[in-house]
């Protein structure tokens, strides 16, 4: 018996960024507050921020479900992606090639800095932490170029063709692209790519049933956590015995619990101890300041990597709200909550109505930004600004030439 495809209401919920923010924000806070790790107790400022963000996510999700997702606003079948110039087979192949060039440029630059490519290869296999240390003093445009490979993966999943071998070629290239991103010794990259890939498969699937979706919801978090732990073990970032100040062997669950809950512990400290920056939105608009730095070297923005603080365990990440706190205190934090909830959901409505491949890819990335927001901010990172910029550029070209096929 043929299983019924996902109802539009479920598909629309899966494409609502605030829904992911709400679930992960509340779940992570409960683990922080009631969990086994003895974090410092929340301050009054943290309670204000927590409830502000939670209510914004909740009301924005309800607003999306009962207003934005009505057929008058979100047309049925918005998820039926058709091929266009930006998802043609050879165009996607070209995007993959650019992504591989980015990875190769990064390896070449870091290999040269470390002595030669052989030194990089040896460090990659046996001492990956050396590459992370090298990143503190070595830069490469390969970081930025490689993000085009992420777009290639998304477009490969959206590609439709009756010629089966073309689809298979793009899927194989996507898996290689995903594997090549491990060269950056960063857990966020593969996690980000896997999440957005699952998102695109879910919201555009013609055959996914509620039963299969339920199984996917149950298995996907386990897979992502396992991926996070495995890569963390490889790069040497899952030894928590020293952090926990314990002679006993840390359990396999304490690492994930630490990462899920540490953002709130840091945010609680930051809310009461950090003076807002005198510069305008220097943390929130970080990529813009980096671009401006190319023209004025005296305007170098501060590093996005914060110093570790003991609360009482060491951590340096402060959820999606941290850059807003640094830029303008609690008032900016409220603005950040509104942006991540109502702002993202309204943009998601526009992307769904447009129904373009680049729009759906950006939509999946907005969902990831809110999904990971309990841990670290991503709204001020280069890939998000790149994806938004490309979407605006492609949308603009379609506006001035409306007779072209959907991009």
Foldseek 3Di string as FASTA:
>chain_A
DAFAADDLLVLQLLLAQLNLLLVLLVVLQCCQAVNPAPFFDFDPLLVVLSVLLNVLSVVLSVCCNPPCSPCVQFPPPLLAADDAPCLDLVNLVVLLVQLVVLLVQVLQQLQVVQPHSVSLVVCLQAPVLVLVVSVVPTDTCSVVSNLSNLLSLLSLLNHDDPPVVSNVVSNVSNVVSLVSVCSNLDLVSNLLSVQLSVSSCRSNPRRDHPVNVVVCVVVVVVVSVVSSLVSCVRNVNQQCCVLSVHPDGDDPVVSVSCQSHVQSSVQSCLLPPADADPDALCQLQVVVQVVVCVVPVVSHGDDNFADWCPSPGTDGAHFQQVSLCNHPHPVSSSVSSNCLRNVLRVLSSVLSNLSASLSSSLSSSSSVQSNCRSRHHDSNDDSNVVSVVVVVVQVVVCVVPVVGDRD
